[in-house]
């Protein structure tokens, strides 16, 4: 279920980027740690009273800002 939630939130991002191929990378963490960090950020975001109104785009943006603060970067595959 958790993986499904992550996929459901990342799908709009991929559509908005014009179907460009991109991936989250971190300078010191393995790719498989992204889901763990993303899920933590998403949980933290969902606890924020300002974001509990259900706007998916606001939740997605806040979650992505959180993983970026953790050092993750969305990089185009080329």
N, C-alpha and C. Protein backbone atom coordinates (compact mmCIF):
# COMPACT_ATOMS: atom_id res chain seq x y z
N UNK A 1 0.82 -1.19 0.00
CA UNK A 1 0.00 0.00 0.00
C UNK A 1 0.86 1.25 0.00
N UNK A 2 1.94 1.27 0.74
CA UNK A 2 2.81 2.43 0.80
C UNK A 2 3.41 2.73 -0.55
N UNK A 3 3.89 1.70 -1.24
CA UNK A 3 4.45 1.90 -2.57
C UNK A 3 3.42 2.44 -3.54
N UNK A 4 2.19 1.99 -3.37
CA UNK A 4 1.10 2.47 -4.22
C UNK A 4 0.85 3.96 -3.97
N UNK A 5 0.92 4.38 -2.71
CA UNK A 5 0.73 5.79 -2.38
C UNK A 5 1.83 6.63 -3.01
N UNK A 6 3.07 6.17 -2.92
CA UNK A 6 4.19 6.90 -3.51
C UNK A 6 4.00 6.99 -5.02
N UNK A 7 3.64 5.89 -5.64
CA UNK A 7 3.43 5.87 -7.09
C UNK A 7 2.29 6.82 -7.47
N UNK A 8 1.23 6.81 -6.68
CA UNK A 8 0.09 7.68 -6.96
C UNK A 8 0.43 9.15 -6.88
N UNK A 9 1.37 9.50 -6.03
CA UNK A 9 1.75 10.91 -5.92
C UNK A 9 2.82 11.29 -6.93
N UNK A 10 3.64 10.36 -7.33
CA UNK A 10 4.68 10.68 -8.30
C UNK A 10 4.15 10.71 -9.73
N UNK A 11 3.07 10.00 -9.99
CA UNK A 11 2.51 9.96 -11.34
C UNK A 11 2.16 11.36 -11.86
N UNK A 12 1.45 12.18 -11.07
CA UNK A 12 1.17 13.54 -11.59
C UNK A 12 2.45 14.34 -11.86
N UNK A 13 3.47 14.14 -11.06
CA UNK A 13 4.73 14.85 -11.29
C UNK A 13 5.32 14.45 -12.63
N UNK A 14 5.31 13.17 -12.94
CA UNK A 14 5.86 12.71 -14.21
C UNK A 14 5.05 13.24 -15.39
N UNK A 15 3.75 13.32 -15.23
CA UNK A 15 2.90 13.85 -16.29
C UNK A 15 3.20 15.33 -16.50
N UNK A 16 3.36 16.07 -15.39
CA UNK A 16 3.61 17.51 -15.50
C UNK A 16 4.97 17.81 -16.09
N UNK A 17 5.92 16.91 -16.00
CA UNK A 17 7.24 17.16 -16.55
C UNK A 17 7.34 16.76 -18.02
N UNK A 18 6.19 16.52 -18.64
CA UNK A 18 6.18 16.22 -20.06
C UNK A 18 6.71 14.82 -20.36
N UNK A 19 6.50 13.91 -19.45
CA UNK A 19 6.92 12.52 -19.61
C UNK A 19 8.43 12.37 -19.74
N UNK A 20 9.15 13.36 -19.30
CA UNK A 20 10.61 13.24 -19.30
C UNK A 20 11.01 12.17 -18.31
N UNK A 21 12.09 11.49 -18.61
CA UNK A 21 12.56 10.45 -17.73
C UNK A 21 13.46 11.07 -16.66
N UNK A 22 13.03 10.95 -15.42
CA UNK A 22 13.79 11.53 -14.32
C UNK A 22 13.79 10.58 -13.14
N UNK A 23 14.77 10.76 -12.25
CA UNK A 23 14.82 9.93 -11.05
C UNK A 23 15.39 10.75 -9.90
N UNK A 24 15.01 10.37 -8.70
CA UNK A 24 15.52 11.01 -7.50
C UNK A 24 16.87 10.40 -7.18
N UNK A 25 17.85 11.26 -6.93
CA UNK A 25 19.19 10.81 -6.59
C UNK A 25 19.66 11.52 -5.33
N UNK A 26 20.58 10.89 -4.63
CA UNK A 26 21.15 11.46 -3.41
C UNK A 26 22.66 11.22 -3.46
N UNK A 27 23.44 12.18 -3.02
CA UNK A 27 24.90 12.01 -3.11
C UNK A 27 25.47 10.92 -2.22
N UNK A 28 24.77 10.56 -1.12
CA UNK A 28 25.34 9.57 -0.20
C UNK A 28 24.42 8.40 0.12
N UNK A 29 23.19 8.42 -0.38
CA UNK A 29 22.24 7.35 -0.06
C UNK A 29 21.94 6.51 -1.30
N UNK A 30 21.63 5.24 -1.05
CA UNK A 30 21.25 4.33 -2.13
C UNK A 30 19.84 4.67 -2.62
N UNK A 31 19.56 4.36 -3.88
CA UNK A 31 18.25 4.65 -4.48
C UNK A 31 17.10 4.04 -3.69
N UNK A 32 17.33 2.85 -3.11
CA UNK A 32 16.25 2.18 -2.39
C UNK A 32 15.87 2.89 -1.09
N UNK A 33 16.66 3.85 -0.65
CA UNK A 33 16.34 4.60 0.56
C UNK A 33 15.38 5.76 0.27
N UNK A 34 15.18 6.07 -1.01
CA UNK A 34 14.30 7.17 -1.36
C UNK A 34 12.88 6.92 -0.85
N UNK A 35 12.35 5.73 -1.05
CA UNK A 35 10.98 5.43 -0.62
C UNK A 35 10.82 5.64 0.88
N UNK A 36 11.80 5.23 1.64
CA UNK A 36 11.74 5.39 3.09
C UNK A 36 11.72 6.88 3.46
N UNK A 37 12.61 7.66 2.87
CA UNK A 37 12.65 9.10 3.15
C UNK A 37 11.38 9.79 2.65
N UNK A 38 10.91 9.41 1.47
CA UNK A 38 9.70 10.01 0.91
C UNK A 38 8.51 9.73 1.82
N UNK A 39 8.38 8.49 2.27
CA UNK A 39 7.26 8.13 3.13
C UNK A 39 7.30 8.89 4.45
N UNK A 40 8.49 9.09 5.00
CA UNK A 40 8.62 9.87 6.24
C UNK A 40 8.17 11.31 5.99
N UNK A 41 8.63 11.88 4.90
CA UNK A 41 8.24 13.25 4.56
C UNK A 41 6.74 13.35 4.33
N UNK A 42 6.19 12.37 3.66
CA UNK A 42 4.75 12.38 3.39
C UNK A 42 3.97 12.29 4.70
N UNK A 43 4.39 11.45 5.61
CA UNK A 43 3.72 11.35 6.91
C UNK A 43 3.79 12.66 7.67
N UNK A 44 4.98 13.27 7.67
CA UNK A 44 5.14 14.56 8.34
C UNK A 44 4.25 15.63 7.70
N UNK A 45 4.17 15.62 6.39
CA UNK A 45 3.35 16.59 5.67
C UNK A 45 1.87 16.41 5.99
N UNK A 46 1.43 15.16 6.07
CA UNK A 46 0.02 14.90 6.34
C UNK A 46 -0.38 15.31 7.75
N UNK A 47 0.59 15.45 8.65
CA UNK A 47 0.30 15.90 10.02
C UNK A 47 0.23 17.42 10.13
N UNK A 48 0.64 18.12 9.11
CA UNK A 48 0.63 19.59 9.13
C UNK A 48 -0.81 20.08 8.98
N UNK A 49 -1.33 20.77 10.00
CA UNK A 49 -2.73 21.22 9.94
C UNK A 49 -3.04 22.11 8.73
N UNK A 50 -2.07 22.88 8.27
CA UNK A 50 -2.29 23.76 7.11
C UNK A 50 -2.49 22.97 5.83
N UNK A 51 -1.99 21.74 5.80
CA UNK A 51 -2.07 20.95 4.57
C UNK A 51 -3.11 19.83 4.65
N UNK A 52 -3.87 19.78 5.71
CA UNK A 52 -4.84 18.71 5.89
C UNK A 52 -6.16 18.96 5.16
N UNK A 53 -6.20 19.98 4.35
CA UNK A 53 -7.42 20.28 3.60
C UNK A 53 -7.60 19.37 2.40
N UNK A 54 -6.58 18.58 2.07
CA UNK A 54 -6.73 17.58 1.03
C UNK A 54 -6.28 17.99 -0.36
N UNK A 55 -5.68 19.15 -0.55
CA UNK A 55 -5.21 19.53 -1.87
C UNK A 55 -3.96 18.71 -2.21
N UNK A 56 -4.09 17.80 -3.14
CA UNK A 56 -3.02 16.87 -3.48
C UNK A 56 -1.76 17.57 -3.99
N UNK A 57 -1.93 18.63 -4.75
CA UNK A 57 -0.77 19.33 -5.29
C UNK A 57 0.04 19.99 -4.17
N UNK A 58 -0.65 20.58 -3.19
CA UNK A 58 0.06 21.17 -2.05
C UNK A 58 0.79 20.11 -1.26
N UNK A 59 0.14 18.95 -1.06
CA UNK A 59 0.78 17.85 -0.33
C UNK A 59 2.01 17.34 -1.08
N UNK A 60 1.87 17.19 -2.38
CA UNK A 60 2.99 16.73 -3.20
C UNK A 60 4.15 17.71 -3.15
N UNK A 61 3.86 18.99 -3.30
CA UNK A 61 4.92 20.00 -3.26
C UNK A 61 5.62 20.03 -1.91
N UNK A 62 4.86 19.96 -0.83
CA UNK A 62 5.45 19.97 0.51
C UNK A 62 6.31 18.73 0.74
N UNK A 63 5.84 17.59 0.27
CA UNK A 63 6.59 16.34 0.42
C UNK A 63 7.89 16.42 -0.37
N UNK A 64 7.83 16.94 -1.58
CA UNK A 64 9.03 17.05 -2.40
C UNK A 64 10.03 18.05 -1.81
N UNK A 65 9.53 19.14 -1.25
CA UNK A 65 10.45 20.07 -0.57
C UNK A 65 11.16 19.39 0.59
N UNK A 66 10.43 18.54 1.30
CA UNK A 66 11.02 17.82 2.43
C UNK A 66 12.14 16.88 1.96
N UNK A 67 11.90 16.10 0.92
CA UNK A 67 12.96 15.17 0.46
C UNK A 67 14.13 15.95 -0.12
N UNK A 68 13.86 17.11 -0.69
CA UNK A 68 14.96 17.94 -1.18
C UNK A 68 15.81 18.45 -0.02
N UNK A 69 15.17 18.78 1.09
CA UNK A 69 15.92 19.21 2.28
C UNK A 69 16.78 18.07 2.82
N UNK A 70 16.36 16.83 2.56
CA UNK A 70 17.14 15.66 2.98
C UNK A 70 18.30 15.38 2.03
N UNK A 71 18.39 16.14 0.94
CA UNK A 71 19.50 15.99 0.01
C UNK A 71 19.16 15.31 -1.30
N UNK A 72 17.91 14.89 -1.48
CA UNK A 72 17.48 14.25 -2.73
C UNK A 72 17.27 15.30 -3.80
N UNK A 73 17.62 14.95 -5.04
CA UNK A 73 17.44 15.84 -6.19
C UNK A 73 16.79 15.04 -7.32
N UNK A 74 15.84 15.66 -8.01
CA UNK A 74 15.21 15.04 -9.16
C UNK A 74 16.06 15.39 -10.37
N UNK A 75 16.64 14.35 -10.98
CA UNK A 75 17.60 14.54 -12.08
C UNK A 75 17.07 13.84 -13.32
N UNK A 76 17.15 14.55 -14.45
CA UNK A 76 16.75 13.94 -15.72
C UNK A 76 17.72 12.85 -16.11
N UNK A 77 17.17 11.73 -16.56
CA UNK A 77 18.03 10.67 -17.09
C UNK A 77 18.37 11.04 -18.52
N UNK A 78 19.59 10.83 -18.87
CA UNK A 78 19.94 11.25 -20.21
C UNK A 78 20.78 10.31 -20.87
